[in-house]
Amino acid sequence: MNRWFNVIWKTKINQITSTKYPLIMAAFARISSIDFAAAFSNVGGLGIITALNFKIDIFKKELQRMQSLTDKPFGVNITVVPPKARLERYTEDDYLKYVEVALNEGVKIFTTSAYQASFIGKRVHEAGGYWFHKCSLIRHAISAERVGADAITLTGLEAAGFKNPYQHSTLVNITVAKRILKVPIIAAGGIGDARGFLGALAMGADAICLGTAILLTKESPLPLHLKDDWLNTDILLEDYYKKLYHFSLKGTRVPSPATAFIINEVSLKDFIESLIDRAEKILRTWGFTKEEFNCI
């Protein structure tokens, strides 16, 4: 793609992560891969390795393979399973073993999600790293900031995955959080095109987290039959709406509305560069002529 504007994107998240764009890869349980994360980093975002997708005894080798595939920044996600969840049990020591392996391999950015993770944040800070926590409720974001999170990813009700019945929309989450929180905010939930990207920044986010949209790219390990189903999803159907906005403490089986912005399967590089290119063209139509888009 021939870029014609080439804005330098500068946000608090860019400052922390040293990425070209304020884009963070979502953590995908079970379906992510090292190649997928490396591709995201190579195109200018922060690729994320989901640690628990790997057994602890091979995790170090996977991190080293990541470093052989990219010389760009990347991070590691630790999903802390809630104590009452009917899933494989992990202790704090189990999670910290993954953290230690990553720290020893030079990882500086750690993201956590699903449950309280201040014990991880504490260890990351001791080693001079950064801790981003992901949550769905503003009150949880306040708590995470209070115990030391360096940034908060807030997921709106539009997001796929696990839902909280008291979750607000992405717009409400980000605009309210901007008035309350002092740490940088990463917006997540239903974002899949240039206007969503710019809108999130305008609402007060310092970056956006991409989930459903990038799962539909060629590098994504999402099974082909699911990609086909998601690409043909009609987000205007009542059945889709009920499955996504179920207002229960459980996951959802449909993609986020970001799927509506994806016409066909393209490479991750083409998707990201198209998103940024269109965002820069929109800025130009708004009269923006500077070389740097500074949100700090």
C-alpha atoms as a PDB file:
ATOM      1  CA  MET A   1       0.000   0.000   0.000  1.00  0.00           C
ATOM      2  CA  ASN A   2       1.311   3.442  -0.941  1.00  0.00           C
ATOM      3  CA  ARG A   3       1.022   5.662   2.107  1.00  0.00           C
ATOM      4  CA  TRP A   4       0.495   9.337   1.328  1.00  0.00           C
ATOM      5  CA  PHE A   5       0.247  11.125   4.663  1.00  0.00           C
ATOM      6  CA  ASN A   6       2.377   9.187   7.173  1.00  0.00           C
ATOM      7  CA  VAL A   7       1.278  10.683  10.477  1.00  0.00           C
ATOM      8  CA  ILE A   8       3.425  10.007  13.524  1.00  0.00           C
ATOM      9  CA  TRP A   9       1.055   8.675  16.173  1.00  0.00           C
ATOM     10  CA  LYS A  10       2.003   9.761  19.670  1.00  0.00           C
ATOM     11  CA  THR A  11       0.080   8.648  22.753  1.00  0.00           C
ATOM     12  CA  LYS A  12       0.946   7.664  26.298  1.00  0.00           C
ATOM     13  CA  ILE A  13       0.699   4.018  25.269  1.00  0.00           C
ATOM     14  CA  ASN A  14       3.127   4.574  22.393  1.00  0.00           C
ATOM     15  CA  GLN A  15       5.528   6.115  24.876  1.00  0.00           C
ATOM     16  CA  ILE A  16       5.354   3.055  27.124  1.00  0.00           C
ATOM     17  CA  THR A  17       5.401   0.385  24.420  1.00  0.00           C
ATOM     18  CA  SER A  18       7.594   2.088  21.768  1.00  0.00           C
ATOM     19  CA  THR A  19       5.215   0.874  19.027  1.00  0.00           C
ATOM     20  CA  LYS A  20       4.585   2.703  15.764  1.00  0.00           C
ATOM     21  CA  TYR A  21       0.812   2.720  16.199  1.00  0.00           C
ATOM     22  CA  PRO A  22      -1.392   2.858  19.322  1.00  0.00           C
ATOM     23  CA  LEU A  23      -2.734  -0.627  18.633  1.00  0.00           C
ATOM     24  CA  ILE A  24      -2.747  -3.525  21.092  1.00  0.00           C
ATOM     25  CA  MET A  25      -3.469  -7.121  20.181  1.00  0.00           C
ATOM     26  CA  ALA A  26      -6.130  -8.847  22.248  1.00  0.00           C
ATOM     27  CA  ALA A  27      -5.188 -11.947  24.205  1.00  0.00           C
ATOM     28  CA  PHE A  28      -6.835 -14.958  22.611  1.00  0.00           C
ATOM     29  CA  ALA A  29      -7.177 -18.001  24.831  1.00  0.00           C
ATOM     30  CA  ARG A  30      -6.464 -21.263  22.994  1.00  0.00           C
ATOM     31  CA  ILE A  31      -6.511 -19.808  19.473  1.00  0.00           C
ATOM     32  CA  SER A  32      -3.543 -17.434  19.416  1.00  0.00           C
ATOM     33  CA  SER A  33      -0.063 -18.266  18.121  1.00  0.00           C
ATOM     34  CA  ILE A  34       3.475 -16.912  18.137  1.00  0.00           C
ATOM     35  CA  ASP A  35       3.353 -16.277  14.380  1.00  0.00           C
ATOM     36  CA  PHE A  36       0.127 -14.283  14.765  1.00  0.00           C
ATOM     37  CA  ALA A  37       1.561 -12.132  17.563  1.00  0.00           C
ATOM     38  CA  ALA A  38       4.810 -11.571  15.643  1.00  0.00           C
ATOM     39  CA  ALA A  39       2.885 -10.456  12.567  1.00  0.00           C
ATOM     40  CA  PHE A  40       0.979  -7.913  14.671  1.00  0.00           C
ATOM     41  CA  SER A  41       4.208  -6.524  16.131  1.00  0.00           C
ATOM     42  CA  ASN A  42       5.906  -6.406  12.744  1.00  0.00           C
ATOM     43  CA  VAL A  43       3.176  -4.224  11.281  1.00  0.00           C
ATOM     44  CA  GLY A  44       3.513  -1.654  14.072  1.00  0.00           C
ATOM     45  CA  GLY A  45       1.252  -2.720  16.940  1.00  0.00           C
ATOM     46  CA  LEU A  46       1.950  -4.493  20.224  1.00  0.00           C
ATOM     47  CA  GLY A  47       1.688  -8.222  19.604  1.00  0.00           C
ATOM     48  CA  ILE A  48       0.554 -10.197  22.632  1.00  0.00           C
ATOM     49  CA  ILE A  49       1.590 -13.733  23.569  1.00  0.00           C
ATOM     50  CA  THR A  50      -1.052 -15.454  25.686  1.00  0.00           C
ATOM     51  CA  ALA A  51       1.122 -17.301  28.191  1.00  0.00           C
ATOM     52  CA  LEU A  52      -1.361 -19.937  29.353  1.00  0.00           C
ATOM     53  CA  ASN A  53      -1.751 -21.186  25.786  1.00  0.00           C
ATOM     54  CA  PHE A  54       1.590 -22.907  26.381  1.00  0.00           C
ATOM     55  CA  LYS A  55       2.824 -25.392  28.953  1.00  0.00           C
ATOM     56  CA  ILE A  56       5.360 -23.781  31.258  1.00  0.00           C
ATOM     57  CA  ASP A  57       8.140 -26.110  30.088  1.00  0.00           C
ATOM     58  CA  ILE A  58       7.918 -24.867  26.477  1.00  0.00           C
ATOM     59  CA  PHE A  59       7.015 -21.233  27.181  1.00  0.00           C
ATOM     60  CA  LYS A  60      10.644 -20.079  27.138  1.00  0.00           C
ATOM     61  CA  LYS A  61      11.244 -21.626  23.715  1.00  0.00           C
ATOM     62  CA  GLU A  62       8.117 -19.938  22.347  1.00  0.00           C
ATOM     63  CA  LEU A  63       9.296 -16.549  23.610  1.00  0.00           C
ATOM     64  CA  GLN A  64      12.653 -17.133  21.972  1.00  0.00           C
ATOM     65  CA  ARG A  65      10.899 -18.039  18.725  1.00  0.00           C
ATOM     66  CA  MET A  66       8.949 -14.786  18.974  1.00  0.00           C
ATOM     67  CA  GLN A  67      12.238 -12.915  19.236  1.00  0.00           C
ATOM     68  CA  SER A  68      13.473 -14.695  16.117  1.00  0.00           C
ATOM     69  CA  LEU A  69      10.371 -13.564  14.192  1.00  0.00           C
ATOM     70  CA  THR A  70      10.317  -9.900  15.212  1.00  0.00           C
ATOM     71  CA  ASP A  71      12.624  -7.235  16.561  1.00  0.00           C
ATOM     72  CA  LYS A  72       9.625  -5.070  17.423  1.00  0.00           C
ATOM     73  CA  PRO A  73       7.995  -4.645  20.871  1.00  0.00           C
ATOM     74  CA  PHE A  74       5.635  -7.313  22.167  1.00  0.00           C
ATOM     75  CA  GLY A  75       3.960  -8.212  25.428  1.00  0.00           C
ATOM     76  CA  VAL A  76       2.787 -11.219  27.411  1.00  0.00           C
ATOM     77  CA  ASN A  77      -0.723 -11.792  28.728  1.00  0.00           C
ATOM     78  CA  ILE A  78      -1.536 -13.684  31.919  1.00  0.00           C
ATOM     79  CA  THR A  79      -5.234 -14.502  32.229  1.00  0.00           C
ATOM     80  CA  VAL A  80      -5.969 -14.954  35.928  1.00  0.00           C
ATOM     81  CA  VAL A  81      -8.800 -17.437  36.246  1.00  0.00           C
ATOM     82  CA  PRO A  82     -11.420 -16.413  38.863  1.00  0.00           C
ATOM     83  CA  PRO A  83     -11.383 -18.763  41.887  1.00  0.00           C
ATOM     84  CA  LYS A  84     -14.942 -20.012  41.318  1.00  0.00           C
ATOM     85  CA  ALA A  85     -14.526 -20.703  37.608  1.00  0.00           C
ATOM     86  CA  ARG A  86     -14.862 -24.348  36.561  1.00  0.00           C
ATOM     87  CA  LEU A  87     -11.566 -24.344  34.746  1.00  0.00           C
ATOM     88  CA  GLU A  88      -8.100 -25.725  35.294  1.00  0.00           C
ATOM     89  CA  ARG A  89      -6.814 -24.407  38.587  1.00  0.00           C
ATOM     90  CA  TYR A  90      -3.719 -22.224  38.816  1.00  0.00           C
ATOM     91  CA  THR A  91      -2.134 -20.872  41.965  1.00  0.00           C
ATOM     92  CA  GLU A  92      -0.411 -17.490  42.247  1.00  0.00           C
ATOM     93  CA  ASP A  93       2.901 -19.335  42.101  1.00  0.00           C
ATOM     94  CA  ASP A  94       1.853 -20.958  38.820  1.00  0.00           C
ATOM     95  CA  TYR A  95       1.145 -17.585  37.235  1.00  0.00           C
ATOM     96  CA  LEU A  96       4.351 -16.102  38.592  1.00  0.00           C
ATOM     97  CA  LYS A  97       6.385 -18.901  37.021  1.00  0.00           C
ATOM     98  CA  TYR A  98       5.238 -17.642  33.611  1.00  0.00           C
ATOM     99  CA  VAL A  99       6.049 -14.087  34.634  1.00  0.00           C
ATOM    100  CA  GLU A 100       9.576 -15.071  35.687  1.00  0.00           C
ATOM    101  CA  VAL A 101      10.237 -16.874  32.411  1.00  0.00           C
ATOM    102  CA  ALA A 102       9.077 -13.834  30.454  1.00  0.00           C
ATOM    103  CA  LEU A 103      11.082 -11.409  32.571  1.00  0.00           C
ATOM    104  CA  ASN A 104      14.194 -13.526  32.085  1.00  0.00           C
ATOM    105  CA  GLU A 105      13.637 -13.293  28.323  1.00  0.00           C
ATOM    106  CA  GLY A 106      13.491  -9.491  28.503  1.00  0.00           C
ATOM    107  CA  VAL A 107       9.729  -8.939  28.277  1.00  0.00           C
ATOM    108  CA  LYS A 108       8.754  -5.509  29.645  1.00  0.00           C
ATOM    109  CA  ILE A 109       5.007  -5.292  28.938  1.00  0.00           C
ATOM    110  CA  PHE A 110       2.559  -7.573  30.744  1.00  0.00           C
ATOM    111  CA  THR A 111      -1.201  -7.575  30.383  1.00  0.00           C
ATOM    112  CA  THR A 112      -3.575  -9.319  32.755  1.00  0.00           C
ATOM    113  CA  SER A 113      -7.278 -10.034  32.564  1.00  0.00           C
ATOM    114  CA  ALA A 114     -10.281 -11.848  34.019  1.00  0.00           C
ATOM    115  CA  TYR A 115      -9.493 -11.412  37.742  1.00  0.00           C
ATOM    116  CA  GLN A 116      -7.443  -9.472  40.283  1.00  0.00           C
ATOM    117  CA  ALA A 117      -3.772  -9.538  39.342  1.00  0.00           C
ATOM    118  CA  SER A 118      -1.975  -7.076  41.586  1.00  0.00           C
ATOM    119  CA  PHE A 119       0.469  -9.806  42.660  1.00  0.00           C
ATOM    120  CA  ILE A 120       1.600  -9.992  39.034  1.00  0.00           C
ATOM    121  CA  GLY A 121       1.783  -6.220  38.727  1.00  0.00           C
ATOM    122  CA  LYS A 122       3.930  -6.027  41.833  1.00  0.00           C
ATOM    123  CA  ARG A 123       6.468  -8.501  40.472  1.00  0.00           C
ATOM    124  CA  VAL A 124       6.527  -6.813  37.064  1.00  0.00           C
ATOM    125  CA  HIS A 125       7.173  -3.437  38.690  1.00  0.00           C
ATOM    126  CA  GLU A 126       9.968  -4.890  40.817  1.00  0.00           C
ATOM    127  CA  ALA A 127      11.640  -5.939  37.562  1.00  0.00           C
ATOM    128  CA  GLY A 128      11.146  -2.520  35.957  1.00  0.00           C
ATOM    129  CA  GLY A 129       8.318  -3.565  33.623  1.00  0.00           C
ATOM    130  CA  TYR A 130       4.810  -2.265  32.905  1.00  0.00           C
ATOM    131  CA  TRP A 131       1.494  -3.798  33.898  1.00  0.00           C
ATOM    132  CA  PHE A 132      -1.707  -3.261  31.880  1.00  0.00           C
ATOM    133  CA  HIS A 133      -4.922  -4.679  33.371  1.00  0.00           C
ATOM    134  CA  LYS A 134      -8.048  -5.468  31.362  1.00  0.00           C
ATOM    135  CA  CYS A 135     -11.524  -5.165  32.872  1.00  0.00           C
ATOM    136  CA  SER A 136     -15.141  -4.544  31.899  1.00  0.00           C
ATOM    137  CA  LEU A 137     -16.400  -2.266  34.650  1.00  0.00           C
ATOM    138  CA  ILE A 138     -15.261   1.236  35.501  1.00  0.00           C
ATOM    139  CA  ARG A 139     -15.255   0.399  39.213  1.00  0.00           C
ATOM    140  CA  HIS A 140     -12.863  -2.461  38.506  1.00  0.00           C
ATOM    141  CA  ALA A 141     -10.680  -0.067  36.523  1.00  0.00           C
ATOM    142  CA  ILE A 142     -10.570   2.286  39.497  1.00  0.00           C
ATOM    143  CA  SER A 143      -9.495  -0.592  41.733  1.00  0.00           C
ATOM    144  CA  ALA A 144      -6.790  -1.674  39.299  1.00  0.00           C
ATOM    145  CA  GLU A 145      -5.433   1.856  39.092  1.00  0.00           C
ATOM    146  CA  ARG A 146      -5.426   2.069  42.886  1.00  0.00           C
ATOM    147  CA  VAL A 147      -3.235  -1.027  43.207  1.00  0.00           C
ATOM    148  CA  GLY A 148      -0.741   0.156  40.617  1.00  0.00           C
ATOM    149  CA  ALA A 149      -1.781  -0.728  37.044  1.00  0.00           C
ATOM    150  CA  ASP A 150       0.161   1.390  34.530  1.00  0.00           C
ATOM    151  CA  ALA A 151      -2.705   1.316  32.008  1.00  0.00           C
ATOM    152  CA  ILE A 152      -6.252  -0.017  31.842  1.00  0.00           C
ATOM    153  CA  THR A 153      -7.933  -1.816  28.961  1.00  0.00           C
ATOM    154  CA  LEU A 154     -11.682  -1.222  29.244  1.00  0.00           C
ATOM    155  CA  THR A 155     -13.948  -3.533  27.274  1.00  0.00           C
ATOM    156  CA  GLY A 156     -17.359  -2.299  26.283  1.00  0.00           C
ATOM    157  CA  LEU A 157     -20.527  -4.372  26.000  1.00  0.00           C
ATOM    158  CA  GLU A 158     -19.892  -4.569  22.245  1.00  0.00           C
ATOM    159  CA  ALA A 159     -16.905  -6.855  22.822  1.00  0.00           C
ATOM    160  CA  ALA A 160     -17.017 -10.581  22.193  1.00  0.00           C
ATOM    161  CA  GLY A 161     -15.853 -13.010  24.848  1.00  0.00           C
ATOM    162  CA  PHE A 162     -16.796 -13.024  28.511  1.00  0.00           C
ATOM    163  CA  LYS A 163     -19.445 -10.517  29.590  1.00  0.00           C
ATOM    164  CA  ASN A 164     -20.407  -8.775  32.805  1.00  0.00           C
ATOM    165  CA  PRO A 165     -24.113  -7.946  33.275  1.00  0.00           C
ATOM    166  CA  TYR A 166     -23.213  -4.463  34.559  1.00  0.00           C
ATOM    167  CA  GLN A 167     -20.982  -3.591  31.621  1.00  0.00           C
ATOM    168  CA  HIS A 168     -21.458  -0.271  29.807  1.00  0.00           C
ATOM    169  CA  SER A 169     -20.895   0.424  26.133  1.00  0.00           C
ATOM    170  CA  THR A 170     -17.428   1.250  24.855  1.00  0.00           C
ATOM    171  CA  LEU A 171     -18.394   4.904  24.433  1.00  0.00           C
ATOM    172  CA  VAL A 172     -19.620   5.258  28.011  1.00  0.00           C
ATOM    173  CA  ASN A 173     -16.722   3.242  29.477  1.00  0.00           C
ATOM    174  CA  ILE A 174     -14.034   5.324  27.798  1.00  0.00           C
ATOM    175  CA  THR A 175     -15.538   8.798  28.197  1.00  0.00           C
ATOM    176  CA  VAL A 176     -16.385   8.260  31.863  1.00  0.00           C
ATOM    177  CA  ALA A 177     -13.063   6.580  32.607  1.00  0.00           C
ATOM    178  CA  LYS A 178     -11.238   9.507  31.032  1.00  0.00           C
ATOM    179  CA  ARG A 179     -12.792  11.802  33.635  1.00  0.00           C
ATOM    180  CA  ILE A 180     -11.893   9.493  36.511  1.00  0.00           C
ATOM    181  CA  LEU A 181      -8.660   7.647  35.771  1.00  0.00           C
ATOM    182  CA  LYS A 182      -5.180   9.149  35.650  1.00  0.00           C
ATOM    183  CA  VAL A 183      -3.504   6.197  33.913  1.00  0.00           C
ATOM    184  CA  PRO A 184      -3.694   5.663  30.133  1.00  0.00           C
ATOM    185  CA  ILE A 185      -6.791   3.911  28.782  1.00  0.00           C
ATOM    186  CA  ILE A 186      -6.990   1.281  26.044  1.00  0.00           C
ATOM    187  CA  ALA A 187     -10.405   0.983  24.382  1.00  0.00           C
ATOM    188  CA  ALA A 188     -11.856  -2.394  23.409  1.00  0.00           C
ATOM    189  CA  GLY A 189     -15.181  -3.579  22.085  1.00  0.00           C
ATOM    190  CA  GLY A 190     -16.622  -3.395  18.572  1.00  0.00           C
ATOM    191  CA  ILE A 191     -13.764  -1.406  17.033  1.00  0.00           C
ATOM    192  CA  GLY A 192     -12.855  -2.538  13.531  1.00  0.00           C
ATOM    193  CA  ASP A 193     -12.278   0.420  11.237  1.00  0.00           C
ATOM    194  CA  ALA A 194     -10.613   3.832  10.955  1.00  0.00           C
ATOM    195  CA  ARG A 195     -13.526   5.815  12.354  1.00  0.00           C
ATOM    196  CA  GLY A 196     -13.752   3.520  15.367  1.00  0.00           C
ATOM    197  CA  PHE A 197     -10.022   3.957  15.886  1.00  0.00           C
ATOM    198  CA  LEU A 198     -10.196   7.763  15.687  1.00  0.00           C
ATOM    199  CA  GLY A 199     -13.399   7.826  17.716  1.00  0.00           C
ATOM    200  CA  ALA A 200     -11.778   5.893  20.559  1.00  0.00           C
ATOM    201  CA  LEU A 201      -8.848   8.324  20.635  1.00  0.00           C
ATOM    202  CA  ALA A 202     -11.273  11.260  20.619  1.00  0.00           C
ATOM    203  CA  MET A 203     -13.174   9.728  23.530  1.00  0.00           C
ATOM    204  CA  GLY A 204      -9.998   9.682  25.592  1.00  0.00           C
ATOM    205  CA  ALA A 205      -8.310   6.367  24.831  1.00  0.00           C
ATOM    206  CA  ASP A 206      -4.553   6.214  24.361  1.00  0.00           C
ATOM    207  CA  ALA A 207      -4.770   3.082  22.205  1.00  0.00           C
ATOM    208  CA  ILE A 208      -7.267   0.544  20.951  1.00  0.00           C
ATOM    209  CA  CYS A 209      -7.306  -3.204  21.484  1.00  0.00           C
ATOM    210  CA  LEU A 210      -8.181  -5.257  18.388  1.00  0.00           C
ATOM    211  CA  GLY A 211      -9.887  -8.619  18.782  1.00  0.00           C
ATOM    212  CA  THR A 212     -12.573  -9.843  16.387  1.00  0.00           C
ATOM    213  CA  ALA A 213     -11.324  -7.686  13.510  1.00  0.00           C
ATOM    214  CA  ILE A 214      -7.870  -9.270  13.422  1.00  0.00           C
ATOM    215  CA  LEU A 215      -9.178 -12.790  13.994  1.00  0.00           C
ATOM    216  CA  LEU A 216     -10.530 -12.524  10.456  1.00  0.00           C
ATOM    217  CA  THR A 217      -7.103 -11.931   8.897  1.00  0.00           C
ATOM    218  CA  LYS A 218      -5.051 -14.539   7.034  1.00  0.00           C
ATOM    219  CA  GLU A 219      -2.498 -14.939   9.842  1.00  0.00           C
ATOM    220  CA  SER A 220      -5.163 -15.655  12.439  1.00  0.00           C
ATOM    221  CA  PRO A 221      -5.290 -19.287  13.636  1.00  0.00           C
ATOM    222  CA  LEU A 222      -9.101 -19.079  13.923  1.00  0.00           C
ATOM    223  CA  PRO A 223     -10.489 -22.176  12.142  1.00  0.00           C
ATOM    224  CA  LEU A 224     -11.534 -21.509   8.542  1.00  0.00           C
ATOM    225  CA  HIS A 225     -15.156 -22.538   9.069  1.00  0.00           C
ATOM    226  CA  LEU A 226     -15.457 -19.963  11.878  1.00  0.00           C
ATOM    227  CA  LYS A 227     -13.851 -17.265   9.743  1.00  0.00           C
ATOM    228  CA  ASP A 228     -16.427 -17.973   7.031  1.00  0.00           C
ATOM    229  CA  ASP A 229     -19.273 -17.857   9.563  1.00  0.00           C
ATOM    230  CA  TRP A 230     -18.027 -14.616  11.084  1.00  0.00           C
ATOM    231  CA  LEU A 231     -17.461 -12.937   7.719  1.00  0.00           C
ATOM    232  CA  ASN A 232     -21.089 -13.715   6.867  1.00  0.00           C
ATOM    233  CA  THR A 233     -22.464 -12.558  10.216  1.00  0.00           C
ATOM    234  CA  ASP A 234     -25.426 -10.186   9.970  1.00  0.00           C
ATOM    235  CA  ILE A 235     -25.148  -7.963  13.036  1.00  0.00           C
ATOM    236  CA  LEU A 236     -28.635  -6.554  12.383  1.00  0.00           C
ATOM    237  CA  LEU A 237     -30.383  -9.847  13.104  1.00  0.00           C
ATOM    238  CA  GLU A 238     -32.335 -10.162  16.347  1.00  0.00           C
ATOM    239  CA  ASP A 239     -30.751 -13.543  17.072  1.00  0.00           C
ATOM    240  CA  TYR A 240     -27.240 -12.045  16.808  1.00  0.00           C
ATOM    241  CA  TYR A 241     -28.213  -9.140  19.045  1.00  0.00           C
ATOM    242  CA  LYS A 242     -29.567 -11.421  21.776  1.00  0.00           C
ATOM    243  CA  LYS A 243     -26.442 -13.582  21.742  1.00  0.00           C
ATOM    244  CA  LEU A 244     -24.082 -10.612  21.992  1.00  0.00           C
ATOM    245  CA  TYR A 245     -25.977  -8.449  24.504  1.00  0.00           C
ATOM    246  CA  HIS A 246     -27.105 -11.179  26.859  1.00  0.00           C
ATOM    247  CA  PHE A 247     -26.419  -9.267  30.113  1.00  0.00           C
ATOM    248  CA  SER A 248     -25.243 -12.371  31.946  1.00  0.00           C
ATOM    249  CA  LEU A 249     -21.990 -13.308  33.630  1.00  0.00           C
ATOM    250  CA  LYS A 250     -20.866 -15.615  30.853  1.00  0.00           C
ATOM    251  CA  GLY A 251     -19.208 -15.663  27.476  1.00  0.00           C
ATOM    252  CA  THR A 252     -20.801 -15.050  24.110  1.00  0.00           C
ATOM    253  CA  ARG A 253     -20.601 -17.296  21.056  1.00  0.00           C
ATOM    254  CA  VAL A 254     -20.702 -14.603  18.402  1.00  0.00           C
ATOM    255  CA  PRO A 255     -18.029 -12.156  17.189  1.00  0.00           C
ATOM    256  CA  SER A 256     -18.152  -8.487  18.073  1.00  0.00           C
ATOM    257  CA  PRO A 257     -19.858  -6.062  15.657  1.00  0.00           C
ATOM    258  CA  ALA A 258     -16.382  -5.284  14.296  1.00  0.00           C
ATOM    259  CA  THR A 259     -17.067  -8.157  11.906  1.00  0.00           C
ATOM    260  CA  ALA A 260     -19.365  -5.815   9.976  1.00  0.00           C
ATOM    261  CA  PHE A 261     -16.346  -3.803   8.813  1.00  0.00           C
ATOM    262  CA  ILE A 262     -14.524  -6.815   7.356  1.00  0.00           C
ATOM    263  CA  ILE A 263     -15.517  -7.703   3.795  1.00  0.00           C
ATOM    264  CA  ASN A 264     -13.080 -10.527   3.110  1.00  0.00           C
ATOM    265  CA  GLU A 265     -10.012 -12.181   4.536  1.00  0.00           C
ATOM    266  CA  VAL A 266      -6.890 -10.047   4.068  1.00  0.00           C
ATOM    267  CA  SER A 267      -3.412 -10.152   5.525  1.00  0.00           C
ATOM    268  CA  LEU A 268      -2.859  -8.577   8.928  1.00  0.00           C
ATOM    269  CA  LYS A 269      -0.438  -6.126   7.321  1.00  0.00           C
ATOM    270  CA  ASP A 270      -3.026  -5.003   4.762  1.00  0.00           C
ATOM    271  CA  PHE A 271      -5.722  -4.677   7.437  1.00  0.00           C
ATOM    272  CA  ILE A 272      -3.631  -2.541   9.783  1.00  0.00           C
ATOM    273  CA  GLU A 273      -2.135  -0.385   7.045  1.00  0.00           C
ATOM    274  CA  SER A 274      -5.581   0.163   5.509  1.00  0.00           C
ATOM    275  CA  LEU A 275      -7.008   1.173   8.900  1.00  0.00           C
ATOM    276  CA  ILE A 276      -4.192   3.652   9.524  1.00  0.00           C
ATOM    277  CA  ASP A 277      -4.237   4.979   5.956  1.00  0.00           C
ATOM    278  CA  ARG A 278      -7.979   5.657   6.106  1.00  0.00           C
ATOM    279  CA  ALA A 279      -7.629   7.271   9.522  1.00  0.00           C
ATOM    280  CA  GLU A 280      -4.976   9.619   8.144  1.00  0.00           C
ATOM    281  CA  LYS A 281      -7.159  10.473   5.137  1.00  0.00           C
ATOM    282  CA  ILE A 282     -10.056  11.282   7.467  1.00  0.00           C
ATOM    283  CA  LEU A 283      -7.770  13.542   9.489  1.00  0.00           C
ATOM    284  CA  ARG A 284      -6.798  15.346   6.292  1.00  0.00           C
ATOM    285  CA  THR A 285     -10.471  15.964   5.401  1.00  0.00           C
ATOM    286  CA  TRP A 286     -10.893  17.456   8.878  1.00  0.00           C
ATOM    287  CA  GLY A 287      -8.131  19.948   8.143  1.00  0.00           C
ATOM    288  CA  PHE A 288      -5.354  18.213  10.081  1.00  0.00           C
ATOM    289  CA  THR A 289      -2.026  19.021   8.431  1.00  0.00           C
ATOM    290  CA  LYS A 290       0.564  18.353  11.133  1.00  0.00           C
ATOM    291  CA  GLU A 291       3.080  15.538  10.886  1.00  0.00           C
ATOM    292  CA  GLU A 292       2.345  14.324  14.417  1.00  0.00           C
ATOM    293  CA  PHE A 293      -0.980  13.327  15.965  1.00  0.00           C
ATOM    294  CA  ASN A 294      -0.269  13.932  19.636  1.00  0.00           C
ATOM    295  CA  CYS A 295      -2.747  12.705  22.279  1.00  0.00           C
ATOM    296  CA  ILE A 296      -0.455  13.239  25.256  1.00  0.00           C
END
